[in-house]
Amino acid sequence: MTAERASQSVPAVQIKGLSVAYDSELVLDHIDLSLPAGRLIAVVGPNGAGKSTLLRTLVGSLKPSSGSVHVHGQAAERQRRAGQIAYMPQHEQVDWDFPLSVRDVVLSGRYGRIRMEGGWRRFLLPVMASDRHQEAVREALKAVDMHNHEQQPIETLSGGQRKRVLLARALAQDARLLLLDEPLVGVDRRSEELIMEVLRGQRDQGRTVVMVTHDIAGARRDADIAVLINRCVVGTGDPDKLLSDDMISRTATAAWLSNREKRYQPDTLEVA
C-alpha cells in the first residue's frame, strides 16, 4: 500500500463518545462518528442541533465534556498545533469597519505557520512575512477570484466577497482538513458557484472538506457524504438517500427531553 493510499485509509475525523454542554444544557450527546479522508461532507440538521458546536469542538474553541476526537489518526490538538485544521466560522469575529485590506485578512491565516517557524520571524509584521507566506496568500486569493482586490479595504466588500476572502484565509493555511460553517449563507449566485467549485477542487486534491449547511438540495447535489444530526448522530451516508423528506422531517420534529433515557433517540442509520 502506498503512503498516499495509507493516509486515505485513516479516517480524517474519528469521534468517540463526544458530549458537549453549555452550562447545564447538553448540546451534543455521545457522538460517535467516522469521516473518511478526501471527501466533501455535508453536516445537516435543524437549528440548535449542534452542527456549529461540532465544528467548534473539532477546531478546539470548545472543550468537550467527554469523549475523544482524532484527526488523521492523531489527537485533534496535535493536528491543530501542526496547522492541519482550517476553520471558517459562520459569524467571523472580524470588525469589517477596521482599516484592514483583503490581503491582511488572508495573511492572518498564515500566522500559525509563521509562529511555528520560531525565532525572530514569529515577531515580524505582516508586511515583512516571507515570500513563501506571501505566495500562499496570492494563490488563495486567486483561487477565490479576489486577487485583483488584494489592497481593497474590507469595509467596502459585498457579502459574497467577504465570504470568499474568509475562505481564502482558510485556504492559505494549507491544511488537510477544512471545516466550514454555513459558507454559502448571504452570498450571491456567482460567489456560491465559485465557493463550491473551490471546495470540490480541494476535495479532488485529497483534502477533506466538512461543511455545515441548511441547503438540503445543495447537499444532495454536491456532497459525497451527508451527516444528519440533532444533538446525536441520526445517520450518515449517501446524501440522496439519507436526506429524504421523511428523514429530514423525523429529525427536525424529534422531541428532546432533559432525561436521556426518555427522550427521542433515533437509530443511527448508515446509508450506503
C-alpha atoms as a PDB file:
ATOM      1  CA  MET A   1       0.000   0.000   0.000  1.00  0.00           C
ATOM      2  CA  THR A   2       1.396   3.415  -0.988  1.00  0.00           C
ATOM      3  CA  ALA A   3       1.772   6.173   1.571  1.00  0.00           C
ATOM      4  CA  GLU A   4      -0.995   8.140  -0.159  1.00  0.00           C
ATOM      5  CA  ARG A   5      -3.414   5.216  -0.019  1.00  0.00           C
ATOM      6  CA  ALA A   6      -2.494   4.535   3.589  1.00  0.00           C
ATOM      7  CA  SER A   7      -3.243   8.140   4.529  1.00  0.00           C
ATOM      8  CA  GLN A   8      -6.596   7.944   2.765  1.00  0.00           C
ATOM      9  CA  SER A   9      -7.485   4.747   4.632  1.00  0.00           C
ATOM     10  CA  VAL A  10      -7.132   6.515   8.003  1.00  0.00           C
ATOM     11  CA  PRO A  11     -10.308   8.462   8.831  1.00  0.00           C
ATOM     12  CA  ALA A  12      -9.952  12.215   8.528  1.00  0.00           C
ATOM     13  CA  VAL A  13     -12.067  12.548  11.684  1.00  0.00           C
ATOM     14  CA  GLN A  14     -12.724   9.882  14.315  1.00  0.00           C
ATOM     15  CA  ILE A  15     -15.044  10.857  17.155  1.00  0.00           C
ATOM     16  CA  LYS A  16     -15.933   8.543  20.031  1.00  0.00           C
ATOM     17  CA  GLY A  17     -18.382   9.240  22.835  1.00  0.00           C
ATOM     18  CA  LEU A  18     -18.262  13.014  22.348  1.00  0.00           C
ATOM     19  CA  SER A  19     -20.548  15.091  24.563  1.00  0.00           C
ATOM     20  CA  VAL A  20     -20.537  18.886  24.793  1.00  0.00           C
ATOM     21  CA  ALA A  21     -22.562  21.028  27.196  1.00  0.00           C
ATOM     22  CA  TYR A  22     -23.182  24.749  27.560  1.00  0.00           C
ATOM     23  CA  ASP A  23     -23.638  25.362  31.262  1.00  0.00           C
ATOM     24  CA  SER A  24     -26.093  22.571  32.164  1.00  0.00           C
ATOM     25  CA  GLU A  25     -27.552  22.094  28.676  1.00  0.00           C
ATOM     26  CA  LEU A  26     -26.315  19.107  26.710  1.00  0.00           C
ATOM     27  CA  VAL A  27     -25.783  20.215  23.111  1.00  0.00           C
ATOM     28  CA  LEU A  28     -24.029  17.139  21.728  1.00  0.00           C
ATOM     29  CA  ASP A  29     -24.756  13.798  23.336  1.00  0.00           C
ATOM     30  CA  HIS A  30     -22.430  10.823  22.935  1.00  0.00           C
ATOM     31  CA  ILE A  31     -21.448  11.413  19.307  1.00  0.00           C
ATOM     32  CA  ASP A  32     -19.751   8.517  17.522  1.00  0.00           C
ATOM     33  CA  LEU A  33     -18.662   9.486  14.029  1.00  0.00           C
ATOM     34  CA  SER A  34     -16.056   8.437  11.493  1.00  0.00           C
ATOM     35  CA  LEU A  35     -15.455  10.636   8.436  1.00  0.00           C
ATOM     36  CA  PRO A  36     -13.266   9.320   5.607  1.00  0.00           C
ATOM     37  CA  ALA A  37     -10.452  11.394   4.165  1.00  0.00           C
ATOM     38  CA  GLY A  38     -10.614  13.093   0.808  1.00  0.00           C
ATOM     39  CA  ARG A  39     -14.394  13.616   0.724  1.00  0.00           C
ATOM     40  CA  LEU A  40     -16.771  16.562   0.679  1.00  0.00           C
ATOM     41  CA  ILE A  41     -19.053  16.024   3.675  1.00  0.00           C
ATOM     42  CA  ALA A  42     -22.248  17.942   4.450  1.00  0.00           C
ATOM     43  CA  VAL A  43     -23.423  18.205   8.063  1.00  0.00           C
ATOM     44  CA  VAL A  44     -27.169  18.806   8.141  1.00  0.00           C
ATOM     45  CA  GLY A  45     -29.700  19.252  10.936  1.00  0.00           C
ATOM     46  CA  PRO A  46     -32.271  21.667  12.348  1.00  0.00           C
ATOM     47  CA  ASN A  47     -31.423  24.868  14.192  1.00  0.00           C
ATOM     48  CA  GLY A  48     -29.924  24.075  17.583  1.00  0.00           C
ATOM     49  CA  ALA A  49     -28.911  20.566  16.520  1.00  0.00           C
ATOM     50  CA  GLY A  50     -25.259  21.111  17.474  1.00  0.00           C
ATOM     51  CA  LYS A  51     -23.777  21.451  13.990  1.00  0.00           C
ATOM     52  CA  SER A  52     -21.698  24.542  14.749  1.00  0.00           C
ATOM     53  CA  THR A  53     -20.806  23.126  18.150  1.00  0.00           C
ATOM     54  CA  LEU A  54     -19.410  20.038  16.443  1.00  0.00           C
ATOM     55  CA  LEU A  55     -17.095  22.130  14.251  1.00  0.00           C
ATOM     56  CA  ARG A  56     -16.033  24.380  17.119  1.00  0.00           C
ATOM     57  CA  THR A  57     -15.129  21.312  19.159  1.00  0.00           C
ATOM     58  CA  LEU A  58     -13.055  19.937  16.288  1.00  0.00           C
ATOM     59  CA  VAL A  59     -11.186  23.208  15.952  1.00  0.00           C
ATOM     60  CA  GLY A  60     -10.600  23.406  19.705  1.00  0.00           C
ATOM     61  CA  SER A  61     -12.595  26.510  20.625  1.00  0.00           C
ATOM     62  CA  LEU A  62     -14.937  24.380  22.745  1.00  0.00           C
ATOM     63  CA  LYS A  63     -13.869  21.781  25.281  1.00  0.00           C
ATOM     64  CA  PRO A  64     -15.899  18.546  25.276  1.00  0.00           C
ATOM     65  CA  SER A  65     -17.473  17.244  28.446  1.00  0.00           C
ATOM     66  CA  SER A  66     -16.400  13.727  27.495  1.00  0.00           C
ATOM     67  CA  GLY A  67     -15.157  11.666  24.592  1.00  0.00           C
ATOM     68  CA  SER A  68     -12.235  11.780  22.195  1.00  0.00           C
ATOM     69  CA  VAL A  69     -11.522  13.410  18.836  1.00  0.00           C
ATOM     70  CA  HIS A  70      -8.794  12.251  16.461  1.00  0.00           C
ATOM     71  CA  VAL A  71      -7.847  13.859  13.163  1.00  0.00           C
ATOM     72  CA  HIS A  72      -5.848  11.832  10.636  1.00  0.00           C
ATOM     73  CA  GLY A  73      -5.073   9.266  13.299  1.00  0.00           C
ATOM     74  CA  GLN A  74      -3.703  11.736  15.850  1.00  0.00           C
ATOM     75  CA  ALA A  75      -5.215  13.659  18.732  1.00  0.00           C
ATOM     76  CA  ALA A  76      -7.020  16.668  17.311  1.00  0.00           C
ATOM     77  CA  GLU A  77      -4.981  19.067  19.451  1.00  0.00           C
ATOM     78  CA  ARG A  78      -1.757  17.806  17.866  1.00  0.00           C
ATOM     79  CA  GLN A  79      -3.162  18.314  14.366  1.00  0.00           C
ATOM     80  CA  ARG A  80      -4.339  21.799  15.294  1.00  0.00           C
ATOM     81  CA  ARG A  81      -0.859  22.743  16.509  1.00  0.00           C
ATOM     82  CA  ALA A  82       0.572  21.359  13.274  1.00  0.00           C
ATOM     83  CA  GLY A  83      -1.688  23.649  11.276  1.00  0.00           C
ATOM     84  CA  GLN A  84      -3.639  20.805   9.684  1.00  0.00           C
ATOM     85  CA  ILE A  85      -7.138  22.056  10.617  1.00  0.00           C
ATOM     86  CA  ALA A  86      -8.536  25.184   8.962  1.00  0.00           C
ATOM     87  CA  TYR A  87     -11.807  26.710  10.120  1.00  0.00           C
ATOM     88  CA  MET A  88     -14.230  29.173   8.550  1.00  0.00           C
ATOM     89  CA  PRO A  89     -16.862  30.063  11.170  1.00  0.00           C
ATOM     90  CA  GLN A  90     -20.379  31.164  10.374  1.00  0.00           C
ATOM     91  CA  HIS A  91     -20.083  34.523  12.125  1.00  0.00           C
ATOM     92  CA  GLU A  92     -16.484  35.566  11.795  1.00  0.00           C
ATOM     93  CA  GLN A  93     -15.175  37.833  14.538  1.00  0.00           C
ATOM     94  CA  VAL A  94     -13.952  40.498  12.141  1.00  0.00           C
ATOM     95  CA  ASP A  95     -14.615  44.198  12.589  1.00  0.00           C
ATOM     96  CA  TRP A  96     -15.448  44.999   8.989  1.00  0.00           C
ATOM     97  CA  ASP A  97     -15.061  48.719   9.729  1.00  0.00           C
ATOM     98  CA  PHE A  98     -11.470  48.254  10.892  1.00  0.00           C
ATOM     99  CA  PRO A  99      -8.915  49.543   8.356  1.00  0.00           C
ATOM    100  CA  LEU A 100      -7.707  46.171   7.072  1.00  0.00           C
ATOM    101  CA  SER A 101      -7.093  45.171   3.497  1.00  0.00           C
ATOM    102  CA  VAL A 102      -8.173  41.929   1.875  1.00  0.00           C
ATOM    103  CA  ARG A 103      -4.548  40.809   1.952  1.00  0.00           C
ATOM    104  CA  ASP A 104      -4.292  41.482   5.703  1.00  0.00           C
ATOM    105  CA  VAL A 105      -7.247  39.195   6.438  1.00  0.00           C
ATOM    106  CA  VAL A 106      -5.950  36.340   4.286  1.00  0.00           C
ATOM    107  CA  LEU A 107      -2.413  36.682   5.636  1.00  0.00           C
ATOM    108  CA  SER A 108      -3.800  36.193   9.150  1.00  0.00           C
ATOM    109  CA  GLY A 109      -4.452  32.593   8.101  1.00  0.00           C
ATOM    110  CA  ARG A 110      -0.667  32.131   7.888  1.00  0.00           C
ATOM    111  CA  TYR A 111       0.091  33.380  11.406  1.00  0.00           C
ATOM    112  CA  GLY A 112       0.043  29.874  12.861  1.00  0.00           C
ATOM    113  CA  ARG A 113       2.662  28.703  10.382  1.00  0.00           C
ATOM    114  CA  ILE A 114       4.742  31.851  10.932  1.00  0.00           C
ATOM    115  CA  ARG A 115       4.731  31.108  14.666  1.00  0.00           C
ATOM    116  CA  MET A 116       5.792  27.512  14.020  1.00  0.00           C
ATOM    117  CA  GLU A 117       8.898  28.788  12.251  1.00  0.00           C
ATOM    118  CA  GLY A 118      10.037  30.109  15.631  1.00  0.00           C
ATOM    119  CA  GLY A 119      12.879  32.504  16.274  1.00  0.00           C
ATOM    120  CA  TRP A 120      12.734  36.139  15.262  1.00  0.00           C
ATOM    121  CA  ARG A 121      10.403  35.557  12.290  1.00  0.00           C
ATOM    122  CA  ARG A 122       7.401  34.984  14.547  1.00  0.00           C
ATOM    123  CA  PHE A 123       7.589  38.630  15.609  1.00  0.00           C
ATOM    124  CA  LEU A 124       7.614  40.044  12.091  1.00  0.00           C
ATOM    125  CA  LEU A 125       4.916  42.409  10.958  1.00  0.00           C
ATOM    126  CA  PRO A 126       2.623  41.044   8.217  1.00  0.00           C
ATOM    127  CA  VAL A 127       4.283  43.280   5.617  1.00  0.00           C
ATOM    128  CA  MET A 128       7.573  41.502   6.343  1.00  0.00           C
ATOM    129  CA  ALA A 129       6.269  37.948   6.009  1.00  0.00           C
ATOM    130  CA  SER A 130       8.484  35.688   3.900  1.00  0.00           C
ATOM    131  CA  ASP A 131       7.980  35.141   0.186  1.00  0.00           C
ATOM    132  CA  ARG A 132       6.528  31.684   0.908  1.00  0.00           C
ATOM    133  CA  HIS A 133       3.748  33.148   3.018  1.00  0.00           C
ATOM    134  CA  GLN A 134       3.108  35.948   0.547  1.00  0.00           C
ATOM    135  CA  GLU A 135       2.803  33.412  -2.272  1.00  0.00           C
ATOM    136  CA  ALA A 136       0.342  31.349  -0.241  1.00  0.00           C
ATOM    137  CA  VAL A 137      -1.812  34.456   0.190  1.00  0.00           C
ATOM    138  CA  ARG A 138      -1.687  35.248  -3.530  1.00  0.00           C
ATOM    139  CA  GLU A 139      -2.626  31.692  -4.506  1.00  0.00           C
ATOM    140  CA  ALA A 140      -5.521  31.615  -2.046  1.00  0.00           C
ATOM    141  CA  LEU A 141      -6.874  34.917  -3.346  1.00  0.00           C
ATOM    142  CA  LYS A 142      -6.544  33.721  -6.908  1.00  0.00           C
ATOM    143  CA  ALA A 143      -8.476  30.554  -6.067  1.00  0.00           C
ATOM    144  CA  VAL A 144     -11.496  32.606  -4.949  1.00  0.00           C
ATOM    145  CA  ASP A 145     -11.089  35.210  -7.707  1.00  0.00           C
ATOM    146  CA  MET A 146     -10.200  38.009  -5.306  1.00  0.00           C
ATOM    147  CA  HIS A 147      -6.584  38.514  -6.410  1.00  0.00           C
ATOM    148  CA  ASN A 148      -7.443  41.842  -8.029  1.00  0.00           C
ATOM    149  CA  HIS A 149      -8.822  43.117  -4.717  1.00  0.00           C
ATOM    150  CA  GLU A 150      -5.729  42.462  -2.590  1.00  0.00           C
ATOM    151  CA  GLN A 151      -5.397  46.031  -1.334  1.00  0.00           C
ATOM    152  CA  GLN A 152      -9.119  46.780  -1.146  1.00  0.00           C
ATOM    153  CA  PRO A 153     -10.396  47.787   2.308  1.00  0.00           C
ATOM    154  CA  ILE A 154     -12.594  45.047   3.706  1.00  0.00           C
ATOM    155  CA  GLU A 155     -15.285  47.538   4.703  1.00  0.00           C
ATOM    156  CA  THR A 156     -16.078  48.034   1.013  1.00  0.00           C
ATOM    157  CA  LEU A 157     -16.658  44.356   0.205  1.00  0.00           C
ATOM    158  CA  SER A 158     -20.031  42.791  -0.572  1.00  0.00           C
ATOM    159  CA  GLY A 159     -21.352  39.871   1.469  1.00  0.00           C
ATOM    160  CA  GLY A 160     -20.273  37.356  -1.139  1.00  0.00           C
ATOM    161  CA  GLN A 161     -16.811  38.904  -1.420  1.00  0.00           C
ATOM    162  CA  ARG A 162     -16.366  38.776   2.342  1.00  0.00           C
ATOM    163  CA  LYS A 163     -17.186  35.070   2.408  1.00  0.00           C
ATOM    164  CA  ARG A 164     -14.706  34.468  -0.412  1.00  0.00           C
ATOM    165  CA  VAL A 165     -11.996  36.350   1.479  1.00  0.00           C
ATOM    166  CA  LEU A 166     -12.652  34.302   4.616  1.00  0.00           C
ATOM    167  CA  LEU A 167     -12.498  31.127   2.536  1.00  0.00           C
ATOM    168  CA  ALA A 168      -9.185  32.340   1.107  1.00  0.00           C
ATOM    169  CA  ARG A 169      -7.899  32.782   4.659  1.00  0.00           C
ATOM    170  CA  ALA A 170      -8.767  29.137   5.372  1.00  0.00           C
ATOM    171  CA  LEU A 171      -7.142  28.001   2.110  1.00  0.00           C
ATOM    172  CA  ALA A 172      -3.971  29.944   2.933  1.00  0.00           C
ATOM    173  CA  GLN A 173      -3.453  27.711   5.962  1.00  0.00           C
ATOM    174  CA  ASP A 174      -2.791  24.780   3.596  1.00  0.00           C
ATOM    175  CA  ALA A 175      -4.488  22.358   5.996  1.00  0.00           C
ATOM    176  CA  ARG A 176      -5.571  18.802   5.235  1.00  0.00           C
ATOM    177  CA  LEU A 177      -8.945  19.299   6.943  1.00  0.00           C
ATOM    178  CA  LEU A 178     -11.235  22.221   6.093  1.00  0.00           C
ATOM    179  CA  LEU A 179     -14.158  22.978   8.417  1.00  0.00           C
ATOM    180  CA  LEU A 180     -16.725  25.434   7.093  1.00  0.00           C
ATOM    181  CA  ASP A 181     -19.803  26.666   8.932  1.00  0.00           C
ATOM    182  CA  GLU A 182     -22.524  27.809   6.505  1.00  0.00           C
ATOM    183  CA  PRO A 183     -20.107  29.117   3.842  1.00  0.00           C
ATOM    184  CA  LEU A 184     -22.938  29.857   1.402  1.00  0.00           C
ATOM    185  CA  VAL A 185     -25.206  31.933   3.634  1.00  0.00           C
ATOM    186  CA  GLY A 186     -25.659  35.501   2.424  1.00  0.00           C
ATOM    187  CA  VAL A 187     -23.755  35.107  -0.841  1.00  0.00           C
ATOM    188  CA  ASP A 188     -24.755  35.891  -4.407  1.00  0.00           C
ATOM    189  CA  ARG A 189     -25.121  33.160  -7.033  1.00  0.00           C
ATOM    190  CA  ARG A 190     -21.700  33.810  -8.571  1.00  0.00           C
ATOM    191  CA  SER A 191     -19.981  33.554  -5.202  1.00  0.00           C
ATOM    192  CA  GLU A 192     -21.949  30.411  -4.345  1.00  0.00           C
ATOM    193  CA  GLU A 193     -20.889  28.692  -7.555  1.00  0.00           C
ATOM    194  CA  LEU A 194     -17.273  29.787  -7.126  1.00  0.00           C
ATOM    195  CA  ILE A 195     -17.110  28.658  -3.485  1.00  0.00           C
ATOM    196  CA  MET A 196     -18.483  25.229  -4.329  1.00  0.00           C
ATOM    197  CA  GLU A 197     -16.068  24.918  -7.258  1.00  0.00           C
ATOM    198  CA  VAL A 198     -13.193  25.686  -4.889  1.00  0.00           C
ATOM    199  CA  LEU A 199     -14.412  23.169  -2.309  1.00  0.00           C
ATOM    200  CA  ARG A 200     -14.778  20.444  -4.921  1.00  0.00           C
ATOM    201  CA  GLY A 201     -11.264  21.257  -6.092  1.00  0.00           C
ATOM    202  CA  GLN A 202      -9.919  20.936  -2.556  1.00  0.00           C
ATOM    203  CA  ARG A 203     -11.631  17.548  -2.292  1.00  0.00           C
ATOM    204  CA  ASP A 204     -10.152  16.454  -5.606  1.00  0.00           C
ATOM    205  CA  GLN A 205      -6.680  17.365  -4.312  1.00  0.00           C
ATOM    206  CA  GLY A 206      -7.171  14.911  -1.436  1.00  0.00           C
ATOM    207  CA  ARG A 207      -8.221  17.317   1.294  1.00  0.00           C
ATOM    208  CA  THR A 208     -11.252  16.651   3.467  1.00  0.00           C
ATOM    209  CA  VAL A 209     -13.985  19.280   3.426  1.00  0.00           C
ATOM    210  CA  VAL A 210     -16.621  19.271   6.182  1.00  0.00           C
ATOM    211  CA  MET A 211     -19.361  21.818   5.554  1.00  0.00           C
ATOM    212  CA  VAL A 212     -22.325  22.690   7.768  1.00  0.00           C
ATOM    213  CA  THR A 213     -25.307  23.637   5.623  1.00  0.00           C
ATOM    214  CA  HIS A 214     -29.068  24.147   5.684  1.00  0.00           C
ATOM    215  CA  ASP A 215     -29.230  23.775   1.909  1.00  0.00           C
ATOM    216  CA  ILE A 216     -30.642  20.256   1.539  1.00  0.00           C
ATOM    217  CA  ALA A 217     -30.784  20.395  -2.264  1.00  0.00           C
ATOM    218  CA  GLY A 218     -27.194  21.600  -2.407  1.00  0.00           C
ATOM    219  CA  ALA A 219     -26.031  18.866  -0.046  1.00  0.00           C
ATOM    220  CA  ARG A 220     -27.735  16.221  -2.192  1.00  0.00           C
ATOM    221  CA  ARG A 221     -26.102  17.667  -5.294  1.00  0.00           C
ATOM    222  CA  ASP A 222     -22.566  18.429  -4.111  1.00  0.00           C
ATOM    223  CA  ALA A 223     -21.684  16.283  -1.102  1.00  0.00           C
ATOM    224  CA  ASP A 224     -20.112  12.827  -1.222  1.00  0.00           C
ATOM    225  CA  ILE A 225     -21.383  12.004   2.265  1.00  0.00           C
ATOM    226  CA  ALA A 226     -24.059  13.526   4.476  1.00  0.00           C
ATOM    227  CA  VAL A 227     -24.190  13.537   8.268  1.00  0.00           C
ATOM    228  CA  LEU A 228     -27.632  14.134   9.754  1.00  0.00           C
ATOM    229  CA  ILE A 229     -27.598  15.238  13.385  1.00  0.00           C
ATOM    230  CA  ASN A 230     -29.884  16.526  16.089  1.00  0.00           C
ATOM    231  CA  ARG A 231     -27.662  16.537  19.176  1.00  0.00           C
ATOM    232  CA  CYS A 232     -26.806  12.924  18.378  1.00  0.00           C
ATOM    233  CA  VAL A 233     -25.985  11.371  15.017  1.00  0.00           C
ATOM    234  CA  VAL A 234     -29.186  10.357  13.246  1.00  0.00           C
ATOM    235  CA  GLY A 235     -27.451   8.933  10.201  1.00  0.00           C
ATOM    236  CA  THR A 236     -24.508   9.056   7.816  1.00  0.00           C
ATOM    237  CA  GLY A 237     -24.175   8.049   4.207  1.00  0.00           C
ATOM    238  CA  ASP A 238     -25.305   8.802   0.686  1.00  0.00           C
ATOM    239  CA  PRO A 239     -26.898  12.292   0.615  1.00  0.00           C
ATOM    240  CA  ASP A 240     -29.630  11.358  -1.874  1.00  0.00           C
ATOM    241  CA  LYS A 241     -30.828   8.512   0.330  1.00  0.00           C
ATOM    242  CA  LEU A 242     -30.186   9.964   3.777  1.00  0.00           C
ATOM    243  CA  LEU A 243     -31.583  13.435   3.160  1.00  0.00           C
ATOM    244  CA  SER A 244     -35.051  12.291   2.170  1.00  0.00           C
ATOM    245  CA  ASP A 245     -38.021  14.455   3.111  1.00  0.00           C
ATOM    246  CA  ASP A 246     -39.100  11.799   5.606  1.00  0.00           C
ATOM    247  CA  MET A 247     -35.722  11.661   7.357  1.00  0.00           C
ATOM    248  CA  ILE A 248     -35.436  15.456   7.482  1.00  0.00           C
ATOM    249  CA  SER A 249     -38.932  15.686   8.967  1.00  0.00           C
ATOM    250  CA  ARG A 250     -38.248  12.962  11.543  1.00  0.00           C
ATOM    251  CA  THR A 251     -35.036  14.655  12.599  1.00  0.00           C
ATOM    252  CA  ALA A 252     -36.497  18.168  12.785  1.00  0.00           C
ATOM    253  CA  THR A 253     -39.509  17.135  14.855  1.00  0.00           C
ATOM    254  CA  ALA A 254     -37.638  14.994  17.379  1.00  0.00           C
ATOM    255  CA  ALA A 255     -38.912  15.663  20.902  1.00  0.00           C
ATOM    256  CA  TRP A 256     -35.808  16.137  23.054  1.00  0.00           C
ATOM    257  CA  LEU A 257     -36.354  15.762  26.796  1.00  0.00           C
ATOM    258  CA  SER A 258     -33.901  16.517  29.560  1.00  0.00           C
ATOM    259  CA  ASN A 259     -33.759  12.873  30.590  1.00  0.00           C
ATOM    260  CA  ARG A 260     -31.646  10.983  28.094  1.00  0.00           C
ATOM    261  CA  GLU A 261     -33.391   7.652  28.640  1.00  0.00           C
ATOM    262  CA  LYS A 262     -36.828   9.172  27.975  1.00  0.00           C
ATOM    263  CA  ARG A 263     -36.147  11.385  25.005  1.00  0.00           C
ATOM    264  CA  TYR A 264     -36.476  10.501  21.347  1.00  0.00           C
ATOM    265  CA  GLN A 265     -33.361   8.710  20.162  1.00  0.00           C
ATOM    266  CA  PRO A 266     -33.496   7.573  16.541  1.00  0.00           C
ATOM    267  CA  ASP A 267     -31.458   4.590  15.497  1.00  0.00           C
ATOM    268  CA  THR A 268     -28.297   5.772  13.803  1.00  0.00           C
ATOM    269  CA  LEU A 269     -28.525   4.991  10.117  1.00  0.00           C
ATOM    270  CA  GLU A 270     -25.642   4.157   7.836  1.00  0.00           C
ATOM    271  CA  VAL A 271     -26.824   4.633   4.296  1.00  0.00           C
ATOM    272  CA  ALA A 272     -24.705   3.131   1.531  1.00  0.00           C
END
